[in-house]
PDB file of all heavy atoms in Angstrom:
ATOM      1  N   LEU A   1     118.835 100.950  97.659  1.00  0.00           N
ATOM      2  CA  LEU A   1     119.016 102.151  96.843  1.00  0.00           C
ATOM      3  C   LEU A   1     119.476 103.347  97.684  1.00  0.00           C
ATOM      4  O   LEU A   1     118.772 104.346  97.822  1.00  0.00           O
ATOM      5  CB  LEU A   1     117.696 102.499  96.128  1.00  0.00           C
ATOM      6  CG  LEU A   1     117.186 101.440  95.141  1.00  0.00           C
ATOM      7  CD1 LEU A   1     115.829 101.839  94.608  1.00  0.00           C
ATOM      8  CD2 LEU A   1     118.153 101.228  94.006  1.00  0.00           C
ATOM      9  N   PRO A   2     120.671 103.269  98.284  1.00  0.00           N
ATOM     10  CA  PRO A   2     121.120 104.345  99.176  1.00  0.00           C
ATOM     11  C   PRO A   2     121.208 105.702  98.509  1.00  0.00           C
ATOM     12  O   PRO A   2     120.974 106.720  99.140  1.00  0.00           O
ATOM     13  CB  PRO A   2     122.511 103.855  99.631  1.00  0.00           C
ATOM     14  CG  PRO A   2     122.941 102.899  98.560  1.00  0.00           C
ATOM     15  CD  PRO A   2     121.696 102.238  98.090  1.00  0.00           C
ATOM     16  N   LEU A   3     121.498 105.736  97.213  1.00  0.00           N
ATOM     17  CA  LEU A   3     121.648 107.035  96.548  1.00  0.00           C
ATOM     18  C   LEU A   3     120.311 107.718  96.273  1.00  0.00           C
ATOM     19  O   LEU A   3     120.266 108.776  95.678  1.00  0.00           O
ATOM     20  CB  LEU A   3     122.437 106.869  95.251  1.00  0.00           C
ATOM     21  CG  LEU A   3     123.932 106.624  95.424  1.00  0.00           C
ATOM     22  CD1 LEU A   3     124.621 106.538  94.077  1.00  0.00           C
ATOM     23  CD2 LEU A   3     124.577 107.715  96.260  1.00  0.00           C
ATOM     24  N   LEU A   4     119.214 107.091  96.690  1.00  0.00           N
ATOM     25  CA  LEU A   4     117.921 107.746  96.586  1.00  0.00           C
ATOM     26  C   LEU A   4     117.434 108.214  97.951  1.00  0.00           C
ATOM     27  O   LEU A   4     116.279 108.560  98.129  1.00  0.00           O
ATOM     28  CB  LEU A   4     116.884 106.797  95.959  1.00  0.00           C
ATOM     29  CG  LEU A   4     117.149 106.405  94.503  1.00  0.00           C
ATOM     30  CD1 LEU A   4     116.046 105.500  93.994  1.00  0.00           C
ATOM     31  CD2 LEU A   4     117.235 107.638  93.627  1.00  0.00           C
ATOM     32  N   SER A   5     118.305 108.188  98.929  1.00  0.00           N
ATOM     33  CA  SER A   5     117.865 108.560 100.265  1.00  0.00           C
ATOM     34  C   SER A   5     118.882 109.386 101.047  1.00  0.00           C
ATOM     35  O   SER A   5     118.575 109.821 102.148  1.00  0.00           O
ATOM     36  CB  SER A   5     117.535 107.294 101.076  1.00  0.00           C
ATOM     37  OG  SER A   5     118.693 106.488 101.213  1.00  0.00           O
ATOM     38  N   ASN A   6     120.069 109.592 100.505  1.00  0.00           N
ATOM     39  CA  ASN A   6     121.100 110.285 101.286  1.00  0.00           C
ATOM     40  C   ASN A   6     121.658 111.508 100.562  1.00  0.00           C
ATOM     41  O   ASN A   6     122.838 111.806 100.644  1.00  0.00           O
ATOM     42  CB  ASN A   6     122.246 109.325 101.638  1.00  0.00           C
ATOM     43  CG  ASN A   6     122.924 108.759 100.397  1.00  0.00           C
ATOM     44  OD1 ASN A   6     122.568 109.102  99.280  1.00  0.00           O
ATOM     45  ND2 ASN A   6     123.895 107.897 100.604  1.00  0.00           N
ATOM     46  N   SER A   7     120.793 112.220  99.866  1.00  0.00           N
ATOM     47  CA  SER A   7     121.260 113.433  99.197  1.00  0.00           C
ATOM     48  C   SER A   7     121.647 114.472 100.242  1.00  0.00           C
ATOM     49  O   SER A   7     121.051 114.556 101.314  1.00  0.00           O
ATOM     50  CB  SER A   7     120.172 113.991  98.277  1.00  0.00           C
ATOM     51  OG  SER A   7     119.030 114.361  99.018  1.00  0.00           O
ATOM     52  N   ALA A   8     122.665 115.270  99.913  1.00  0.00           N
ATOM     53  CA  ALA A   8     123.198 116.232 100.874  1.00  0.00           C
ATOM     54  C   ALA A   8     123.189 117.651 100.318  1.00  0.00           C
ATOM     55  O   ALA A   8     123.971 118.495 100.739  1.00  0.00           O
ATOM     56  CB  ALA A   8     124.619 115.835 101.268  1.00  0.00           C
ATOM     57  N   SER A   9     122.304 117.911  99.358  1.00  0.00           N
ATOM     58  CA  SER A   9     122.186 119.259  98.803  1.00  0.00           C
ATOM     59  C   SER A   9     120.723 119.680  98.817  1.00  0.00           C
ATOM     60  O   SER A   9     119.821 118.843  98.934  1.00  0.00           O
ATOM     61  CB  SER A   9     122.736 119.306  97.370  1.00  0.00           C
ATOM     62  OG  SER A   9     121.955 118.496  96.512  1.00  0.00           O
ATOM     63  N   GLU A  10     120.492 120.966  98.668  1.00  0.00           N
ATOM     64  CA  GLU A  10     119.138 121.496  98.740  1.00  0.00           C
ATOM     65  C   GLU A  10     118.261 120.963  97.623  1.00  0.00           C
ATOM     66  O   GLU A  10     117.066 120.700  97.809  1.00  0.00           O
ATOM     67  CB  GLU A  10     119.202 123.029  98.683  1.00  0.00           C
ATOM     68  CG  GLU A  10     117.984 123.727  99.216  1.00  0.00           C
ATOM     69  CD  GLU A  10     118.187 125.229  99.339  1.00  0.00           C
ATOM     70  OE1 GLU A  10     118.124 125.927  98.292  1.00  0.00           O
ATOM     71  OE2 GLU A  10     118.431 125.711 100.461  1.00  0.00           O
ATOM     72  N   HIS A  11     118.832 120.796  96.427  1.00  0.00           N
ATOM     73  CA  HIS A  11     118.035 120.309  95.301  1.00  0.00           C
ATOM     74  C   HIS A  11     118.029 118.789  95.202  1.00  0.00           C
ATOM     75  O   HIS A  11     117.335 118.227  94.351  1.00  0.00           O
ATOM     76  CB  HIS A  11     118.574 120.897  93.982  1.00  0.00           C
ATOM     77  CG  HIS A  11     119.883 120.301  93.549  1.00  0.00           C
ATOM     78  ND1 HIS A  11     121.097 120.879  93.832  1.00  0.00           N
ATOM     79  CD2 HIS A  11     120.189 119.154  92.881  1.00  0.00           C
ATOM     80  CE1 HIS A  11     122.066 120.145  93.340  1.00  0.00           C
ATOM     81  NE2 HIS A  11     121.551 119.090  92.759  1.00  0.00           N
ATOM     82  N   GLY A  12     118.790 118.095  96.073  1.00  0.00           N
ATOM     83  CA  GLY A  12     118.903 116.635  96.004  1.00  0.00           C
ATOM     84  C   GLY A  12     117.582 115.902  96.036  1.00  0.00           C
ATOM     85  O   GLY A  12     117.331 115.002  95.209  1.00  0.00           O
ATOM     86  N   PRO A  13     116.671 116.215  96.984  1.00  0.00           N
ATOM     87  CA  PRO A  13     115.380 115.509  97.024  1.00  0.00           C
ATOM     88  C   PRO A  13     114.576 115.636  95.737  1.00  0.00           C
ATOM     89  O   PRO A  13     113.851 114.712  95.365  1.00  0.00           O
ATOM     90  CB  PRO A  13     114.656 116.179  98.211  1.00  0.00           C
ATOM     91  CG  PRO A  13     115.751 116.667  99.091  1.00  0.00           C
ATOM     92  CD  PRO A  13     116.843 117.113  98.153  1.00  0.00           C
ATOM     93  N   THR A  14     114.694 116.773  95.039  1.00  0.00           N
ATOM     94  CA  THR A  14     113.981 116.952  93.772  1.00  0.00           C
ATOM     95  C   THR A  14     114.514 115.984  92.717  1.00  0.00           C
ATOM     96  O   THR A  14     113.741 115.362  91.977  1.00  0.00           O
ATOM     97  CB  THR A  14     114.123 118.401  93.269  1.00  0.00           C
ATOM     98  OG1 THR A  14     113.724 119.302  94.296  1.00  0.00           O
ATOM     99  CG2 THR A  14     113.268 118.630  92.045  1.00  0.00           C
ATOM    100  N   ILE A  15     115.842 115.869  92.640  1.00  0.00           N
ATOM    101  CA  ILE A  15     116.458 114.914  91.718  1.00  0.00           C
ATOM    102  C   ILE A  15     116.041 113.489  92.073  1.00  0.00           C
ATOM    103  O   ILE A  15     115.699 112.684  91.197  1.00  0.00           O
ATOM    104  CB  ILE A  15     117.989 115.041  91.754  1.00  0.00           C
ATOM    105  CG1 ILE A  15     118.448 116.377  91.167  1.00  0.00           C
ATOM    106  CG2 ILE A  15     118.659 113.877  91.017  1.00  0.00           C
ATOM    107  CD1 ILE A  15     118.323 116.476  89.672  1.00  0.00           C
ATOM    108  N   ASP A  16     116.066 113.169  93.359  1.00  0.00           N
ATOM    109  CA  ASP A  16     115.681 111.823  93.802  1.00  0.00           C
ATOM    110  C   ASP A  16     114.232 111.524  93.466  1.00  0.00           C
ATOM    111  O   ASP A  16     113.885 110.399  93.074  1.00  0.00           O
ATOM    112  CB  ASP A  16     115.909 111.680  95.306  1.00  0.00           C
ATOM    113  CG  ASP A  16     117.383 111.679  95.671  1.00  0.00           C
ATOM    114  OD1 ASP A  16     118.215 111.573  94.750  1.00  0.00           O
ATOM    115  OD2 ASP A  16     117.713 111.776  96.869  1.00  0.00           O
ATOM    116  N   ASN A  17     113.364 112.525  93.626  1.00  0.00           N
ATOM    117  CA  ASN A  17     111.956 112.332  93.315  1.00  0.00           C
ATOM    118  C   ASN A  17     111.758 112.034  91.827  1.00  0.00           C
ATOM    119  O   ASN A  17     110.979 111.151  91.446  1.00  0.00           O
ATOM    120  CB  ASN A  17     111.167 113.585  93.697  1.00  0.00           C
ATOM    121  CG  ASN A  17     109.669 113.390  93.530  1.00  0.00           C
ATOM    122  OD1 ASN A  17     109.090 112.460  94.064  1.00  0.00           O
ATOM    123  ND2 ASN A  17     109.046 114.282  92.788  1.00  0.00           N
ATOM    124  N   LEU A  18     112.486 112.761  90.973  1.00  0.00           N
ATOM    125  CA  LEU A  18     112.433 112.518  89.530  1.00  0.00           C
ATOM    126  C   LEU A  18     112.920 111.106  89.207  1.00  0.00           C
ATOM    127  O   LEU A  18     112.333 110.399  88.377  1.00  0.00           O
ATOM    128  CB  LEU A  18     113.281 113.556  88.806  1.00  0.00           C
ATOM    129  CG  LEU A  18     113.387 113.441  87.279  1.00  0.00           C
ATOM    130  CD1 LEU A  18     112.024 113.552  86.634  1.00  0.00           C
ATOM    131  CD2 LEU A  18     114.324 114.503  86.725  1.00  0.00           C
ATOM    132  N   MET A  19     113.988 110.676  89.881  1.00  0.00           N
ATOM    133  CA  MET A  19     114.520 109.339  89.649  1.00  0.00           C
ATOM    134  C   MET A  19     113.545 108.261  90.104  1.00  0.00           C
ATOM    135  O   MET A  19     113.349 107.242  89.412  1.00  0.00           O
ATOM    136  CB  MET A  19     115.852 109.185  90.382  1.00  0.00           C
ATOM    137  CG  MET A  19     116.526 107.839  90.157  1.00  0.00           C
ATOM    138  SD  MET A  19     117.004 107.577  88.435  1.00  0.00           S
ATOM    139  CE  MET A  19     118.380 108.707  88.298  1.00  0.00           C
ATOM    140  N   VAL A  20     112.900 108.459  91.247  1.00  0.00           N
ATOM    141  CA  VAL A  20     111.940 107.475  91.757  1.00  0.00           C
ATOM    142  C   VAL A  20     110.765 107.335  90.799  1.00  0.00           C
ATOM    143  O   VAL A  20     110.323 106.221  90.496  1.00  0.00           O
ATOM    144  CB  VAL A  20     111.452 107.883  93.165  1.00  0.00           C
ATOM    145  CG1 VAL A  20     110.243 107.046  93.572  1.00  0.00           C
ATOM    146  CG2 VAL A  20     112.564 107.699  94.183  1.00  0.00           C
ATOM    147  N   ILE A  21     110.242 108.464  90.309  1.00  0.00           N
ATOM    148  CA  ILE A  21     109.129 108.414  89.357  1.00  0.00           C
ATOM    149  C   ILE A  21     109.531 107.636  88.103  1.00  0.00           C
ATOM    150  O   ILE A  21     108.780 106.784  87.606  1.00  0.00           O
ATOM    151  CB  ILE A  21     108.683 109.842  88.985  1.00  0.00           C
ATOM    152  CG1 ILE A  21     108.035 110.513  90.200  1.00  0.00           C
ATOM    153  CG2 ILE A  21     107.720 109.822  87.805  1.00  0.00           C
ATOM    154  CD1 ILE A  21     107.713 111.978  89.982  1.00  0.00           C
ATOM    155  N   SER A  22     110.730 107.911  87.582  1.00  0.00           N
ATOM    156  CA  SER A  22     111.212 107.210  86.383  1.00  0.00           C
ATOM    157  C   SER A  22     111.340 105.707  86.650  1.00  0.00           C
ATOM    158  O   SER A  22     110.931 104.882  85.818  1.00  0.00           O
ATOM    159  CB  SER A  22     112.554 107.786  85.935  1.00  0.00           C
ATOM    160  OG  SER A  22     112.450 109.155  85.629  1.00  0.00           O
ATOM    161  N   LEU A  23     111.907 105.338  87.797  1.00  0.00           N
ATOM    162  CA  LEU A  23     112.095 103.928  88.126  1.00  0.00           C
ATOM    163  C   LEU A  23     110.759 103.203  88.289  1.00  0.00           C
ATOM    164  O   LEU A  23     110.598 102.058  87.847  1.00  0.00           O
ATOM    165  CB  LEU A  23     112.929 103.790  89.403  1.00  0.00           C
ATOM    166  CG  LEU A  23     114.419 104.144  89.289  1.00  0.00           C
ATOM    167  CD1 LEU A  23     115.074 104.103  90.662  1.00  0.00           C
ATOM    168  CD2 LEU A  23     115.128 103.188  88.340  1.00  0.00           C
ATOM    169  N   VAL A  24     109.791 103.861  88.927  1.00  0.00           N
ATOM    170  CA  VAL A  24     108.476 103.240  89.123  1.00  0.00           C
ATOM    171  C   VAL A  24     107.804 102.988  87.780  1.00  0.00           C
ATOM    172  O   VAL A  24     107.247 101.906  87.535  1.00  0.00           O
ATOM    173  CB  VAL A  24     107.594 104.132  90.019  1.00  0.00           C
ATOM    174  CG1 VAL A  24     106.140 103.644  90.000  1.00  0.00           C
ATOM    175  CG2 VAL A  24     108.112 104.116  91.453  1.00  0.00           C
ATOM    176  N   ILE A  25     107.847 103.979  86.886  1.00  0.00           N
ATOM    177  CA  ILE A  25     107.230 103.815  85.562  1.00  0.00           C
ATOM    178  C   ILE A  25     107.914 102.699  84.782  1.00  0.00           C
ATOM    179  O   ILE A  25     107.255 101.835  84.181  1.00  0.00           O
ATOM    180  CB  ILE A  25     107.284 105.141  84.780  1.00  0.00           C
ATOM    181  CG1 ILE A  25     106.380 106.182  85.444  1.00  0.00           C
ATOM    182  CG2 ILE A  25     106.865 104.927  83.326  1.00  0.00           C
ATOM    183  CD1 ILE A  25     106.470 107.563  84.827  1.00  0.00           C
ATOM    184  N   ILE A  26     109.248 102.709  84.789  1.00  0.00           N
ATOM    185  CA  ILE A  26     110.000 101.672  84.071  1.00  0.00           C
ATOM    186  C   ILE A  26     109.683 100.288  84.641  1.00  0.00           C
ATOM    187  O   ILE A  26     109.459  99.324  83.890  1.00  0.00           O
ATOM    188  CB  ILE A  26     111.513 101.952  84.149  1.00  0.00           C
ATOM    189  CG1 ILE A  26     111.860 103.198  83.337  1.00  0.00           C
ATOM    190  CG2 ILE A  26     112.322 100.765  83.642  1.00  0.00           C
ATOM    191  CD1 ILE A  26     113.283 103.694  83.547  1.00  0.00           C
ATOM    192  N   PHE A  27     109.651 100.179  85.975  1.00  0.00           N
ATOM    193  CA  PHE A  27     109.379  98.883  86.598  1.00  0.00           C
ATOM    194  C   PHE A  27     107.969  98.402  86.260  1.00  0.00           C
ATOM    195  O   PHE A  27     107.764  97.219  85.941  1.00  0.00           O
ATOM    196  CB  PHE A  27     109.540  98.995  88.115  1.00  0.00           C
ATOM    197  CG  PHE A  27     109.313  97.697  88.842  1.00  0.00           C
ATOM    198  CD1 PHE A  27     110.270  96.698  88.820  1.00  0.00           C
ATOM    199  CD2 PHE A  27     108.132  97.472  89.536  1.00  0.00           C
ATOM    200  CE1 PHE A  27     110.055  95.496  89.479  1.00  0.00           C
ATOM    201  CE2 PHE A  27     107.911  96.276  90.195  1.00  0.00           C
ATOM    202  CZ  PHE A  27     108.888  95.285  90.166  1.00  0.00           C
ATOM    203  N   PHE A  28     106.999  99.308  86.294  1.00  0.00           N
ATOM    204  CA  PHE A  28     105.614  98.938  85.990  1.00  0.00           C
ATOM    205  C   PHE A  28     105.492  98.465  84.542  1.00  0.00           C
ATOM    206  O   PHE A  28     104.925  97.397  84.259  1.00  0.00           O
ATOM    207  CB  PHE A  28     104.693 100.130  86.246  1.00  0.00           C
ATOM    208  CG  PHE A  28     103.267  99.890  85.839  1.00  0.00           C
ATOM    209  CD1 PHE A  28     102.424  99.130  86.629  1.00  0.00           C
ATOM    210  CD2 PHE A  28     102.773 100.430  84.657  1.00  0.00           C
ATOM    211  CE1 PHE A  28     101.105  98.903  86.249  1.00  0.00           C
ATOM    212  CE2 PHE A  28     101.462 100.209  84.262  1.00  0.00           C
ATOM    213  CZ  PHE A  28     100.620  99.439  85.065  1.00  0.00           C
ATOM    214  N   VAL A  29     106.036  99.256  83.616  1.00  0.00           N
ATOM    215  CA  VAL A  29     105.940  98.907  82.193  1.00  0.00           C
ATOM    216  C   VAL A  29     106.682  97.606  81.908  1.00  0.00           C
ATOM    217  O   VAL A  29     106.182  96.735  81.180  1.00  0.00           O
ATOM    218  CB  VAL A  29     106.501 100.058  81.326  1.00  0.00           C
ATOM    219  CG1 VAL A  29     106.591  99.631  79.857  1.00  0.00           C
ATOM    220  CG2 VAL A  29     105.633 101.299  81.469  1.00  0.00           C
ATOM    221  N   GLN A  30     107.878  97.453  82.488  1.00  0.00           N
ATOM    222  CA  GLN A  30     108.652  96.234  82.260  1.00  0.00           C
ATOM    223  C   GLN A  30     107.919  95.010  82.778  1.00  0.00           C
ATOM    224  O   GLN A  30     107.873  93.961  82.118  1.00  0.00           O
ATOM    225  CB  GLN A  30     110.019  96.364  82.925  1.00  0.00           C
ATOM    226  CG  GLN A  30     110.993  95.249  82.608  1.00  0.00           C
ATOM    227  CD  GLN A  30     110.929  94.087  83.576  1.00  0.00           C
ATOM    228  OE1 GLN A  30     110.303  94.182  84.629  1.00  0.00           O
ATOM    229  NE2 GLN A  30     111.565  92.986  83.228  1.00  0.00           N
ATOM    230  N   THR A  31     107.307  95.119  83.949  1.00  0.00           N
ATOM    231  CA  THR A  31     106.601  93.985  84.543  1.00  0.00           C
ATOM    232  C   THR A  31     105.426  93.563  83.673  1.00  0.00           C
ATOM    233  O   THR A  31     105.237  92.374  83.391  1.00  0.00           O
ATOM    234  CB  THR A  31     106.107  94.344  85.957  1.00  0.00           C
ATOM    235  OG1 THR A  31     107.223  94.701  86.773  1.00  0.00           O
ATOM    236  CG2 THR A  31     105.394  93.162  86.592  1.00  0.00           C
ATOM    237  N   ILE A  32     104.623  94.533  83.230  1.00  0.00           N
ATOM    238  CA  ILE A  32     103.445  94.220  82.422  1.00  0.00           C
ATOM    239  C   ILE A  32     103.829  93.683  81.046  1.00  0.00           C
ATOM    240  O   ILE A  32     103.311  92.650  80.585  1.00  0.00           O
ATOM    241  CB  ILE A  32     102.553  95.469  82.271  1.00  0.00           C
ATOM    242  CG1 ILE A  32     102.053  95.955  83.625  1.00  0.00           C
ATOM    243  CG2 ILE A  32     101.376  95.176  81.339  1.00  0.00           C
ATOM    244  CD1 ILE A  32     101.239  94.940  84.398  1.00  0.00           C
ATOM    245  N   THR A  33     104.755  94.367  80.367  1.00  0.00           N
ATOM    246  CA  THR A  33     105.100  93.961  79.006  1.00  0.00           C
ATOM    247  C   THR A  33     105.794  92.593  78.970  1.00  0.00           C
ATOM    248  O   THR A  33     105.533  91.796  78.062  1.00  0.00           O
ATOM    249  CB  THR A  33     106.007  95.004  78.333  1.00  0.00           C
ATOM    250  OG1 THR A  33     107.149  95.253  79.170  1.00  0.00           O
ATOM    251  CG2 THR A  33     105.253  96.304  78.110  1.00  0.00           C
ATOM    252  N   GLN A  34     106.667  92.329  79.943  1.00  0.00           N
ATOM    253  CA  GLN A  34     107.327  91.025  79.969  1.00  0.00           C
ATOM    254  C   GLN A  34     106.330  89.903  80.234  1.00  0.00           C
ATOM    255  O   GLN A  34     106.418  88.817  79.653  1.00  0.00           O
ATOM    256  CB  GLN A  34     108.432  91.010  81.031  1.00  0.00           C
ATOM    257  CG  GLN A  34     109.642  91.850  80.687  1.00  0.00           C
ATOM    258  CD  GLN A  34     110.317  91.400  79.400  1.00  0.00           C
ATOM    259  OE1 GLN A  34     110.556  90.211  79.187  1.00  0.00           O
ATOM    260  NE2 GLN A  34     110.630  92.351  78.534  1.00  0.00           N
ATOM    261  N   PHE A  35     105.351  90.175  81.104  1.00  0.00           N
ATOM    262  CA  PHE A  35     104.319  89.158  81.366  1.00  0.00           C
ATOM    263  C   PHE A  35     103.517  88.868  80.099  1.00  0.00           C
ATOM    264  O   PHE A  35     103.300  87.706  79.728  1.00  0.00           O
ATOM    265  CB  PHE A  35     103.385  89.624  82.483  1.00  0.00           C
ATOM    266  CG  PHE A  35     102.196  88.719  82.675  1.00  0.00           C
ATOM    267  CD1 PHE A  35     102.320  87.514  83.361  1.00  0.00           C
ATOM    268  CD2 PHE A  35     100.957  89.052  82.136  1.00  0.00           C
ATOM    269  CE1 PHE A  35     101.239  86.668  83.516  1.00  0.00           C
ATOM    270  CE2 PHE A  35      99.867  88.204  82.289  1.00  0.00           C
ATOM    271  CZ  PHE A  35     100.008  87.010  82.986  1.00  0.00           C
ATOM    272  N   LEU A  36     103.065  89.927  79.423  1.00  0.00           N
ATOM    273  CA  LEU A  36     102.277  89.731  78.205  1.00  0.00           C
ATOM    274  C   LEU A  36     103.089  89.027  77.125  1.00  0.00           C
ATOM    275  O   LEU A  36     102.583  88.134  76.428  1.00  0.00           O
ATOM    276  CB  LEU A  36     101.780  91.088  77.685  1.00  0.00           C
ATOM    277  CG  LEU A  36     100.754  91.810  78.577  1.00  0.00           C
ATOM    278  CD1 LEU A  36     100.438  93.183  77.995  1.00  0.00           C
ATOM    279  CD2 LEU A  36      99.487  90.981  78.728  1.00  0.00           C
ATOM    280  N   LEU A  37     104.352  89.409  76.972  1.00  0.00           N
ATOM    281  CA  LEU A  37     105.209  88.798  75.955  1.00  0.00           C
ATOM    282  C   LEU A  37     105.335  87.297  76.167  1.00  0.00           C
ATOM    283  O   LEU A  37     105.123  86.497  75.230  1.00  0.00           O
ATOM    284  CB  LEU A  37     106.583  89.459  75.998  1.00  0.00           C
ATOM    285  CG  LEU A  37     107.660  88.866  75.082  1.00  0.00           C
ATOM    286  CD1 LEU A  37     107.295  89.092  73.633  1.00  0.00           C
ATOM    287  CD2 LEU A  37     109.021  89.456  75.389  1.00  0.00           C
ATOM    288  N   HIS A  38     105.657  86.888  77.387  1.00  0.00           N
ATOM    289  CA  HIS A  38     105.869  85.467  77.659  1.00  0.00           C
ATOM    290  C   HIS A  38     104.542  84.688  77.731  1.00  0.00           C
ATOM    291  O   HIS A  38     104.466  83.538  77.282  1.00  0.00           O
ATOM    292  CB  HIS A  38     106.641  85.292  78.960  1.00  0.00           C
ATOM    293  CG  HIS A  38     108.063  85.741  78.876  1.00  0.00           C
ATOM    294  ND1 HIS A  38     108.432  87.064  78.933  1.00  0.00           N
ATOM    295  CD2 HIS A  38     109.224  85.034  78.716  1.00  0.00           C
ATOM    296  CE1 HIS A  38     109.749  87.163  78.821  1.00  0.00           C
ATOM    297  NE2 HIS A  38     110.244  85.954  78.690  1.00  0.00           N
ATOM    298  N   TYR A  39     103.506  85.324  78.281  1.00  0.00           N
ATOM    299  CA  TYR A  39     102.214  84.636  78.397  1.00  0.00           C
ATOM    300  C   TYR A  39     101.606  84.385  77.022  1.00  0.00           C
ATOM    301  O   TYR A  39     101.080  83.299  76.745  1.00  0.00           O
ATOM    302  CB  TYR A  39     101.256  85.453  79.263  1.00  0.00           C
ATOM    303  CG  TYR A  39      99.872  84.848  79.340  1.00  0.00           C
ATOM    304  CD1 TYR A  39      99.647  83.680  80.059  1.00  0.00           C
ATOM    305  CD2 TYR A  39      98.802  85.443  78.668  1.00  0.00           C
ATOM    306  CE1 TYR A  39      98.379  83.106  80.112  1.00  0.00           C
ATOM    307  CE2 TYR A  39      97.535  84.880  78.714  1.00  0.00           C
ATOM    308  CZ  TYR A  39      97.325  83.714  79.443  1.00  0.00           C
ATOM    309  OH  TYR A  39      96.072  83.151  79.486  1.00  0.00           O
ATOM    310  N   PHE A  40     101.674  85.392  76.133  1.00  0.00           N
ATOM    311  CA  PHE A  40     101.123  85.201  74.795  1.00  0.00           C
ATOM    312  C   PHE A  40     101.903  84.142  74.026  1.00  0.00           C
ATOM    313  O   PHE A  40     101.321  83.380  73.236  1.00  0.00           O
ATOM    314  CB  PHE A  40     101.141  86.516  74.024  1.00  0.00           C
ATOM    315  CG  PHE A  40     100.070  87.482  74.447  1.00  0.00           C
ATOM    316  CD1 PHE A  40     100.057  88.779  73.982  1.00  0.00           C
ATOM    317  CD2 PHE A  40      99.074  87.095  75.337  1.00  0.00           C
ATOM    318  CE1 PHE A  40      99.074  89.676  74.375  1.00  0.00           C
ATOM    319  CE2 PHE A  40      98.084  87.974  75.744  1.00  0.00           C
ATOM    320  CZ  PHE A  40      98.083  89.274  75.256  1.00  0.00           C
ATOM    321  N   ALA A  41     103.224  84.081  74.235  1.00  0.00           N
ATOM    322  CA  ALA A  41     104.024  83.043  73.575  1.00  0.00           C
ATOM    323  C   ALA A  41     103.587  81.653  74.039  1.00  0.00           C
ATOM    324  O   ALA A  41     103.645  80.685  73.267  1.00  0.00           O
ATOM    325  CB  ALA A  41     105.507  83.257  73.869  1.00  0.00           C
ATOM    326  N   PHE A  42     103.144  81.557  75.299  1.00  0.00           N
ATOM    327  CA  PHE A  42     102.666  80.265  75.821  1.00  0.00           C
ATOM    328  C   PHE A  42     101.232  79.977  75.364  1.00  0.00           C
ATOM    329  O   PHE A  42     100.936  78.889  74.851  1.00  0.00           O
ATOM    330  CB  PHE A  42     102.728  80.275  77.349  1.00  0.00           C
ATOM    331  CG  PHE A  42     102.016  79.113  77.993  1.00  0.00           C
ATOM    332  CD1 PHE A  42     102.591  77.851  77.988  1.00  0.00           C
ATOM    333  CD2 PHE A  42     100.780  79.291  78.592  1.00  0.00           C
ATOM    334  CE1 PHE A  42     101.936  76.770  78.569  1.00  0.00           C
ATOM    335  CE2 PHE A  42     100.121  78.218  79.173  1.00  0.00           C
ATOM    336  CZ  PHE A  42     100.704  76.964  79.168  1.00  0.00           C
ATOM    337  N   LYS A  43     100.329  80.943  75.526  1.00  0.00           N
ATOM    338  CA  LYS A  43      98.916  80.728  75.228  1.00  0.00           C
ATOM    339  C   LYS A  43      98.668  80.487  73.739  1.00  0.00           C
ATOM    340  O   LYS A  43      97.848  79.645  73.359  1.00  0.00           O
ATOM    341  CB  LYS A  43      98.100  81.929  75.705  1.00  0.00           C
ATOM    342  CG  LYS A  43      96.585  81.768  75.476  1.00  0.00           C
ATOM    343  CD  LYS A  43      95.828  82.913  76.096  1.00  0.00           C
ATOM    344  CE  LYS A  43      94.335  82.812  75.786  1.00  0.00           C
ATOM    345  NZ  LYS A  43      93.743  81.537  76.280  1.00  0.00           N
TER     346      LYS A  43
END
């Protein structure tokens, strides 16, 4: 993810921080919901 580490403006790290938070939340929710969806279909 090079575009989350090589910002060249004063406000760049703030934008990157917002993007990282969004990605972490999306990844967490996607991981949990996909597991429950497929596991319940099996169980």
